[in-house]
Amino acid sequence: MANSLQLETMKPYIQSVWKESGFQAPTNIQDQAIPAILEGKDVICESPTGTGKTLAYLLPVIEKLDESKKSVQVVILAPSRELVMQILDQVRKWTKGTTIGSASFIGGANVKKQVEKLKEKPQIVVGTTGRIVELIKMKKLKMHEVHTVVVDEADQLVSPEHLGNVQSIIKATLRDRQVLFFSATISPQTETIAKGFMQDPQVIRVEENIDQTNTNHIYFVCEQRDKIDLLRKIIHTISGRTIAFLKTVEKVEEAEAKLAYHGIPLAVLAGESKKMERQQSMKNFRSGKIPLLLTTDVAARGLDIEDVTYVIHFDFPKTTTQYLHRSGRTGRMGKEGTVISLVNAREESFLKKMSHELGLTFTEKQLYQGKIVDIVGQKNSIKK
């Protein structure tokens, strides 16, 4: 078990960052994956967004790294620039104060500058598959001492677009390498492909659930046409990093225009966003410069943002899985969070059904004199 006792046996700097981060006990996926990875097993892990997957592989990978070897030992693959940079941020956070070097390599960036980065001899490399393969073919990225390959968002990286590159990268490493596949969803096809790269892998699946002890689930009832105005008022009453989920890019654009007109500072992450726009949006949101992020499920897939205080379902999710994936972005690692659903009369019936399916209590709220308050004089909780 990856309990606190096991964490206490890890390198001092890992323990130090764990304490500084205010984490309590490891999450379910960390509890199961960390021991298996430390034992050297190949692992296939399925766990929802927001359950601590990145640290589930990162902590044991860093623990096993040989700091005295100034060569690439670990390669972490991800499908997008945003996810690569997000993982690199975590690598640097957890190796701060050490001699461990790390670097990112992404498509679209200047190749010559990336070759210069390799001259600094990073031990951990994070990148997109196309650029990693390109650097290997140029004989600039030496793979002969790579003992661990992590495939993050594995369901995306086994698509026809990426699979050939993933295969080339894994084959370029040591014969007795360790291969780790992680994703919010692992389809049967992905599992079959992953096993083709592995020796007797351990398959770990963590069921989707929300720890209600530190997450509140509340909702507001309003007409569909009034949702943007209600969102605007709610944003004025709350403080903290907030992600609002809408069902389409068109809805995101409509909400963006109307909220911006009222002077609400916000960032947008949608499937149609250009790379630079996405990058700037995420930078502003992560830094806290802008507290509200409007996004769709597709655009937000794989992005792991720390310290999200509120998740708002602007458009109520159609499935329990979708509700859990979105809502799991707050109330993480022992921190408190609130999930707010804005529902019309039709969506309220879905919410009632979902409360029973998920075993969650939803409490109806209203805005009164600039505050979120209970509805007085009526039974306003939908019990699990």
Protein backbone atom coordinates (compact mmCIF):
# COMPACT_ATOMS: atom_id res chain seq x y z
CA MET A 1 0.00 0.00 0.00
CA ALA A 2 1.24 3.48 -0.81
CA ASN A 3 0.33 4.73 2.62
CA SER A 4 1.96 7.56 4.56
CA LEU A 5 4.52 5.13 5.94
CA GLN A 6 5.68 4.22 2.45
CA LEU A 7 5.85 7.88 1.45
CA GLU A 8 8.05 8.48 4.47
CA THR A 9 10.62 6.07 3.04
CA MET A 10 10.91 8.06 -0.19
CA LYS A 11 13.65 10.59 -0.84
CA PRO A 12 13.58 13.56 1.57
CA TYR A 13 12.81 16.12 -1.13
CA ILE A 14 9.72 14.13 -2.21
CA GLN A 15 8.51 14.02 1.39
CA SER A 16 9.18 17.75 1.73
CA VAL A 17 7.09 18.71 -1.33
CA TRP A 18 4.31 16.35 -0.21
CA LYS A 19 4.10 18.15 3.12
CA GLU A 20 4.36 21.61 1.54
CA SER A 21 1.50 20.72 -0.79
CA GLY A 22 -0.75 20.00 2.17
CA PHE A 23 -1.57 16.48 0.99
CA GLN A 24 -2.91 13.98 3.48
CA ALA A 25 -3.27 10.32 2.50
CA PRO A 26 -2.54 9.16 -1.06
CA THR A 27 -5.48 8.80 -3.44
CA ASN A 28 -6.77 5.38 -4.50
CA ILE A 29 -4.81 5.33 -7.74
CA GLN A 30 -1.62 6.41 -5.95
CA ASP A 31 -2.21 3.81 -3.27
CA GLN A 32 -2.31 1.03 -5.86
CA ALA A 33 0.05 2.25 -8.59
CA ILE A 34 3.02 3.52 -6.56
CA PRO A 35 3.99 0.15 -5.01
CA ALA A 36 3.62 -1.66 -8.35
CA ILE A 37 5.82 0.88 -10.15
CA LEU A 38 8.44 0.83 -7.38
CA GLU A 39 8.56 -2.95 -7.76
CA GLY A 40 9.42 -2.46 -11.42
CA LYS A 41 6.17 -3.83 -12.85
CA ASP A 42 4.68 -2.73 -16.15
CA VAL A 43 1.38 -1.06 -15.31
CA ILE A 44 -1.88 -0.13 -17.07
CA CYS A 45 -3.86 2.36 -14.99
CA GLU A 46 -7.37 3.70 -15.52
CA SER A 47 -8.52 6.43 -13.15
CA PRO A 48 -10.74 9.51 -13.62
CA THR A 49 -9.37 13.00 -14.19
CA GLY A 50 -8.64 14.67 -10.88
CA THR A 51 -7.68 11.55 -8.94
CA GLY A 52 -3.94 12.19 -8.86
CA LYS A 53 -2.78 10.05 -11.82
CA THR A 54 0.24 12.22 -12.62
CA LEU A 55 1.73 11.82 -9.14
CA ALA A 56 0.82 8.12 -9.18
CA TYR A 57 3.53 7.55 -11.79
CA LEU A 58 5.73 10.58 -11.20
CA LEU A 59 6.65 9.97 -7.55
CA PRO A 60 7.89 6.39 -8.01
CA VAL A 61 9.62 7.31 -11.29
CA ILE A 62 11.52 10.13 -9.55
CA GLU A 63 12.23 7.90 -6.55
CA LYS A 64 13.89 5.29 -8.81
CA LEU A 65 15.91 7.77 -10.87
CA ASP A 66 19.71 7.61 -10.61
CA GLU A 67 20.79 11.23 -10.09
CA SER A 68 24.44 10.37 -10.72
CA LYS A 69 23.72 9.37 -14.34
CA LYS A 70 23.60 12.44 -16.58
CA SER A 71 21.57 10.86 -19.36
CA VAL A 72 17.92 10.50 -20.30
CA GLN A 73 16.39 7.79 -18.09
CA VAL A 74 12.67 8.55 -18.25
CA VAL A 75 10.50 9.55 -21.22
CA ILE A 76 6.93 10.72 -20.60
CA LEU A 77 4.65 10.97 -23.64
CA ALA A 78 1.53 13.14 -23.85
CA PRO A 79 -0.82 14.06 -26.71
CA SER A 80 -0.85 17.86 -26.40
CA ARG A 81 1.38 20.83 -25.73
CA GLU A 82 -0.72 21.82 -22.70
CA LEU A 83 -0.44 18.43 -21.08
CA VAL A 84 3.31 18.24 -21.75
CA MET A 85 3.85 21.59 -20.05
CA GLN A 86 1.57 20.61 -17.19
CA ILE A 87 3.55 17.41 -16.56
CA LEU A 88 6.87 19.26 -16.83
CA ASP A 89 5.68 21.75 -14.19
CA GLN A 90 4.97 18.83 -11.86
CA VAL A 91 8.35 17.21 -12.59
CA ARG A 92 10.12 20.45 -11.70
CA LYS A 93 8.01 20.97 -8.60
CA TRP A 94 8.86 17.52 -7.25
CA THR A 95 12.58 17.67 -8.15
CA LYS A 96 13.20 21.19 -6.88
CA GLY A 97 16.52 21.51 -5.06
CA THR A 98 17.96 18.39 -6.70
CA THR A 99 20.39 17.88 -9.56
CA ILE A 100 17.69 16.15 -11.64
CA GLY A 101 17.31 17.87 -14.99
CA SER A 102 14.11 17.84 -17.07
CA ALA A 103 12.98 19.27 -20.40
CA SER A 104 9.99 19.36 -22.74
CA PHE A 105 9.95 18.66 -26.47
CA ILE A 106 6.87 19.59 -28.48
CA GLY A 107 5.87 19.84 -32.10
CA GLY A 108 5.77 23.33 -33.56
CA ALA A 109 8.64 24.58 -31.41
CA ASN A 110 12.05 25.49 -32.87
CA VAL A 111 14.02 22.25 -33.34
CA LYS A 112 17.44 23.89 -32.95
CA LYS A 113 16.45 25.33 -29.56
CA GLN A 114 15.21 21.93 -28.47
CA VAL A 115 18.48 20.29 -29.53
CA GLU A 116 20.26 22.85 -27.35
CA LYS A 117 18.12 21.71 -24.41
CA LEU A 118 19.43 18.16 -24.85
CA LYS A 119 23.00 19.41 -24.42
CA GLU A 120 22.04 20.18 -20.80
CA LYS A 121 21.60 16.41 -20.32
CA PRO A 122 18.08 16.17 -18.86
CA GLN A 123 17.29 12.91 -17.07
CA ILE A 124 13.53 13.24 -17.50
CA VAL A 125 12.09 14.11 -20.91
CA VAL A 126 8.43 15.03 -21.48
CA GLY A 127 7.14 15.41 -25.01
CA THR A 128 4.72 14.86 -27.84
CA THR A 129 5.33 11.71 -29.84
CA GLY A 130 6.13 13.32 -33.21
CA ARG A 131 8.86 15.57 -31.85
CA ILE A 132 10.41 12.83 -29.71
CA VAL A 133 10.64 10.53 -32.76
CA GLU A 134 12.12 13.37 -34.82
CA LEU A 135 14.87 13.98 -32.23
CA ILE A 136 15.62 10.23 -32.04
CA LYS A 137 15.97 10.04 -35.84
CA MET A 138 18.28 13.07 -35.77
CA LYS A 139 20.35 11.09 -33.23
CA LYS A 140 20.12 14.00 -30.81
CA LEU A 141 17.95 12.22 -28.24
CA LYS A 142 19.85 9.17 -26.96
CA MET A 143 17.53 6.42 -25.74
CA HIS A 144 20.02 3.70 -24.79
CA GLU A 145 19.75 4.41 -21.04
CA VAL A 146 15.98 5.05 -20.89
CA HIS A 147 14.54 2.52 -18.45
CA THR A 148 11.00 3.93 -18.08
CA VAL A 149 8.45 5.09 -20.66
CA VAL A 150 5.18 6.63 -19.46
CA VAL A 151 2.29 6.96 -21.91
CA ASP A 152 -0.13 9.54 -20.46
CA GLU A 153 -3.66 9.91 -21.87
CA ALA A 154 -3.04 6.48 -23.36
CA ASP A 155 -6.42 6.22 -25.11
CA GLN A 156 -5.43 9.17 -27.29
CA LEU A 157 -1.86 7.99 -27.90
CA VAL A 158 -2.86 4.59 -29.29
CA SER A 159 -4.88 6.27 -32.05
CA PRO A 160 -3.60 5.77 -35.63
CA GLU A 161 -2.12 9.28 -35.53
CA HIS A 162 0.26 8.46 -32.65
CA LEU A 163 0.59 4.68 -32.33
CA GLY A 164 3.47 4.24 -34.79
CA ASN A 165 5.47 6.91 -32.96
CA VAL A 166 4.74 5.37 -29.54
CA GLN A 167 5.93 2.02 -30.87
CA SER A 168 9.15 3.52 -32.28
CA ILE A 169 9.92 5.32 -29.02
CA ILE A 170 9.40 2.28 -26.80
CA LYS A 171 11.46 0.04 -29.10
CA ALA A 172 14.37 2.52 -28.96
CA THR A 173 14.76 2.05 -25.20
CA LEU A 174 16.45 -0.60 -23.05
CA ARG A 175 15.27 -4.19 -23.54
CA ASP A 176 14.29 -4.53 -19.86
CA ARG A 177 12.44 -1.19 -19.79
CA GLN A 178 9.40 -0.44 -17.65
CA VAL A 179 6.30 0.72 -19.56
CA LEU A 180 3.44 2.58 -17.86
CA PHE A 181 0.11 3.39 -19.54
CA PHE A 182 -2.17 5.90 -17.76
CA SER A 183 -5.53 7.30 -18.83
CA ALA A 184 -8.92 8.46 -17.52
CA THR A 185 -10.40 5.75 -19.73
CA ILE A 186 -8.73 2.56 -20.93
CA SER A 187 -10.74 0.89 -23.67
CA PRO A 188 -10.37 -2.87 -24.32
CA GLN A 189 -8.51 -1.97 -27.53
CA THR A 190 -6.07 0.29 -25.66
CA GLU A 191 -5.47 -2.41 -23.06
CA THR A 192 -4.71 -4.97 -25.78
CA ILE A 193 -2.27 -2.61 -27.53
CA ALA A 194 -0.58 -1.67 -24.23
CA LYS A 195 -0.05 -5.31 -23.29
CA GLY A 196 1.80 -5.79 -26.58
CA PHE A 197 4.54 -3.49 -25.23
CA MET A 198 4.66 -5.06 -21.76
CA GLN A 199 5.77 -8.06 -19.73
CA ASP A 200 3.08 -9.46 -17.41
CA PRO A 201 1.52 -6.04 -16.69
CA GLN A 202 -0.58 -5.20 -13.66
CA VAL A 203 -3.92 -3.66 -14.63
CA ILE A 204 -5.28 -1.16 -12.11
CA ARG A 205 -8.75 0.33 -12.39
CA VAL A 206 -10.07 2.86 -9.91
CA GLU A 207 -13.81 3.35 -9.86
CA GLU A 208 -15.18 6.82 -10.28
CA ASN A 209 -16.47 8.38 -7.11
CA ILE A 210 -16.49 11.68 -5.32
CA ASP A 211 -15.47 12.03 -1.69
CA GLN A 212 -18.46 13.95 -0.39
CA THR A 213 -16.76 14.69 2.91
CA ASN A 214 -14.92 17.63 1.36
CA THR A 215 -17.10 18.44 -1.68
CA ASN A 216 -20.45 20.23 -1.57
CA HIS A 217 -22.96 19.73 -4.38
CA ILE A 218 -25.41 22.60 -4.84
CA TYR A 219 -27.70 23.72 -7.61
CA PHE A 220 -29.72 26.68 -8.87
CA VAL A 221 -32.91 26.40 -10.90
CA CYS A 222 -33.44 28.93 -13.68
CA GLU A 223 -34.70 29.29 -17.23
CA GLN A 224 -32.19 28.34 -19.92
CA ARG A 225 -32.11 31.92 -21.25
CA ASP A 226 -31.14 33.23 -17.79
CA LYS A 227 -28.15 30.96 -17.22
CA ILE A 228 -25.45 33.36 -18.42
CA ASP A 229 -26.79 36.14 -16.19
CA LEU A 230 -26.97 33.72 -13.26
CA LEU A 231 -23.39 32.61 -13.91
CA ARG A 232 -22.30 36.26 -13.93
CA LYS A 233 -23.96 36.86 -10.54
CA ILE A 234 -22.49 33.70 -9.03
CA ILE A 235 -18.98 34.67 -10.16
CA HIS A 236 -19.42 37.97 -8.31
CA THR A 237 -20.28 36.12 -5.08
CA ILE A 238 -17.51 33.50 -5.03
CA SER A 239 -13.73 33.63 -4.93
CA GLY A 240 -11.29 30.99 -6.06
CA ARG A 241 -10.30 29.22 -9.23
CA THR A 242 -13.48 28.22 -11.11
CA ILE A 243 -14.08 26.00 -14.15
CA ALA A 244 -17.43 26.27 -15.95
CA PHE A 245 -18.35 23.45 -18.35
CA LEU A 246 -20.55 24.11 -21.38
CA LYS A 247 -21.62 21.50 -23.91
CA THR A 248 -20.49 23.12 -27.18
CA VAL A 249 -17.89 25.52 -28.54
CA GLU A 250 -20.73 27.78 -29.71
CA LYS A 251 -22.09 28.00 -26.16
CA VAL A 252 -18.62 28.84 -24.86
CA GLU A 253 -18.31 31.66 -27.39
CA GLU A 254 -21.75 33.04 -26.52
CA ALA A 255 -21.03 33.00 -22.78
CA GLU A 256 -17.59 34.52 -23.34
CA ALA A 257 -19.03 37.46 -25.30
CA LYS A 258 -21.79 38.21 -22.80
CA LEU A 259 -19.64 37.86 -19.68
CA ALA A 260 -16.81 39.92 -21.20
CA TYR A 261 -19.36 42.64 -22.03
CA HIS A 262 -20.12 42.82 -18.29
CA GLY A 263 -16.42 43.04 -17.44
CA ILE A 264 -15.99 39.51 -16.06
CA PRO A 265 -12.33 38.48 -16.43
CA LEU A 266 -12.20 35.01 -17.95
CA ALA A 267 -10.13 32.55 -19.94
CA VAL A 268 -11.46 30.26 -22.65
CA LEU A 269 -10.38 26.77 -23.60
CA ALA A 270 -12.32 25.33 -26.53
CA GLY A 271 -11.58 22.85 -29.28
CA GLU A 272 -11.30 25.56 -31.92
CA SER A 273 -8.86 27.69 -29.94
CA LYS A 274 -5.50 28.37 -31.58
CA LYS A 275 -2.39 27.05 -29.83
CA MET A 276 -1.21 30.47 -28.64
CA GLU A 277 -4.69 31.37 -27.38
CA ARG A 278 -4.94 28.09 -25.46
CA GLN A 279 -1.48 28.57 -24.00
CA GLN A 280 -2.21 32.11 -22.83
CA SER A 281 -5.61 31.13 -21.42
CA MET A 282 -4.11 28.32 -19.37
CA LYS A 283 -1.20 30.47 -18.19
CA ASN A 284 -3.56 33.21 -16.96
CA PHE A 285 -5.87 30.73 -15.28
CA ARG A 286 -3.15 28.67 -13.60
CA SER A 287 -1.45 31.79 -12.24
CA GLY A 288 -4.71 33.01 -10.72
CA LYS A 289 -4.60 36.16 -12.82
CA ILE A 290 -7.97 35.14 -14.25
CA PRO A 291 -10.28 33.16 -11.89
CA LEU A 292 -12.79 31.77 -14.40
CA LEU A 293 -12.21 29.25 -17.18
CA LEU A 294 -14.95 28.45 -19.71
CA THR A 295 -14.46 25.14 -21.46
CA THR A 296 -15.99 22.04 -23.00
CA ASP A 297 -15.40 18.44 -21.92
CA VAL A 298 -13.39 17.74 -25.07
CA ALA A 299 -11.10 20.77 -24.71
CA ALA A 300 -10.43 20.13 -21.02
CA ARG A 301 -9.59 16.44 -21.38
CA GLY A 302 -6.33 15.53 -19.69
CA LEU A 303 -5.72 18.95 -18.20
CA ASP A 304 -4.92 18.80 -14.52
CA ILE A 305 -5.32 22.13 -12.74
CA GLU A 306 -4.47 22.42 -9.06
CA ASP A 307 -6.56 24.20 -6.43
CA VAL A 308 -9.84 24.45 -8.32
CA THR A 309 -12.35 25.67 -5.73
CA TYR A 310 -15.49 25.56 -7.86
CA VAL A 311 -16.74 23.46 -10.77
CA ILE A 312 -19.85 24.84 -12.46
CA HIS A 313 -22.04 22.68 -14.69
CA PHE A 314 -23.47 25.42 -16.91
CA ASP A 315 -25.01 22.70 -19.05
CA PHE A 316 -25.92 19.75 -16.87
CA PRO A 317 -24.06 16.57 -17.88
CA LYS A 318 -25.92 13.78 -19.65
CA THR A 319 -24.23 10.90 -17.82
CA THR A 320 -22.96 10.10 -14.34
CA THR A 321 -19.49 9.55 -15.82
CA GLN A 322 -19.48 13.05 -17.27
CA TYR A 323 -20.63 14.50 -13.93
CA LEU A 324 -17.85 12.68 -12.09
CA HIS A 325 -15.14 13.62 -14.59
CA ARG A 326 -16.01 17.31 -14.36
CA SER A 327 -16.73 17.42 -10.63
CA GLY A 328 -13.58 15.51 -9.73
CA ARG A 329 -11.53 18.59 -10.62
CA THR A 330 -12.40 20.17 -7.27
CA GLY A 331 -12.25 18.86 -3.71
CA ARG A 332 -9.02 17.05 -4.47
CA MET A 333 -6.29 15.70 -2.22
CA GLY A 334 -8.21 16.55 0.95
CA LYS A 335 -9.00 20.14 -0.05
CA GLU A 336 -12.52 21.53 0.03
CA GLY A 337 -14.49 22.17 -3.13
CA THR A 338 -17.96 23.05 -4.34
CA VAL A 339 -19.80 21.77 -7.41
CA ILE A 340 -22.54 24.09 -8.71
CA SER A 341 -25.14 22.97 -11.25
CA LEU A 342 -27.27 25.47 -13.15
CA VAL A 343 -30.39 23.57 -14.20
CA ASN A 344 -33.60 24.30 -16.02
CA ALA A 345 -36.77 22.37 -15.17
CA ARG A 346 -35.90 19.51 -17.52
CA GLU A 347 -32.34 19.23 -16.24
CA GLU A 348 -33.56 19.25 -12.64
CA SER A 349 -35.25 15.90 -13.28
CA PHE A 350 -31.90 14.50 -14.52
CA LEU A 351 -30.21 15.89 -11.42
CA LYS A 352 -32.71 14.12 -9.14
CA LYS A 353 -32.10 10.85 -10.95
CA MET A 354 -28.33 11.33 -10.77
CA SER A 355 -28.42 11.97 -7.03
CA HIS A 356 -29.77 8.45 -6.52
CA GLU A 357 -27.39 6.84 -9.00
CA LEU A 358 -24.32 8.51 -7.50
CA GLY A 359 -25.38 8.49 -3.86
CA LEU A 360 -24.89 12.26 -3.58
CA THR A 361 -26.96 14.94 -1.87
CA PHE A 362 -27.72 18.01 -3.99
CA THR A 363 -28.87 21.14 -2.15
CA GLU A 364 -30.82 23.87 -3.93
CA LYS A 365 -29.60 27.42 -3.33
CA GLN A 366 -30.58 30.94 -4.31
CA LEU A 367 -28.85 34.31 -4.53
CA TYR A 368 -29.93 36.87 -1.95
CA GLN A 369 -28.30 40.25 -1.45
CA GLY A 370 -25.15 39.14 -3.24
CA LYS A 371 -24.78 35.89 -1.30
CA ILE A 372 -25.49 32.22 -1.95
CA VAL A 373 -28.08 31.15 0.62
CA ASP A 374 -30.44 28.29 1.40
CA ILE A 375 -34.00 28.48 0.19
CA VAL A 376 -36.02 29.21 3.33
CA GLY A 377 -39.22 27.36 4.14
CA GLN A 378 -38.94 24.45 1.75
CA LYS A 379 -37.26 21.08 1.50
CA ASN A 380 -34.45 22.00 -0.79
CA SER A 381 -32.15 19.01 -0.69
CA ILE A 382 -32.30 16.10 -3.08
CA LYS A 383 -31.21 13.22 -0.91
CA LYS A 384 -29.10 10.36 -2.06
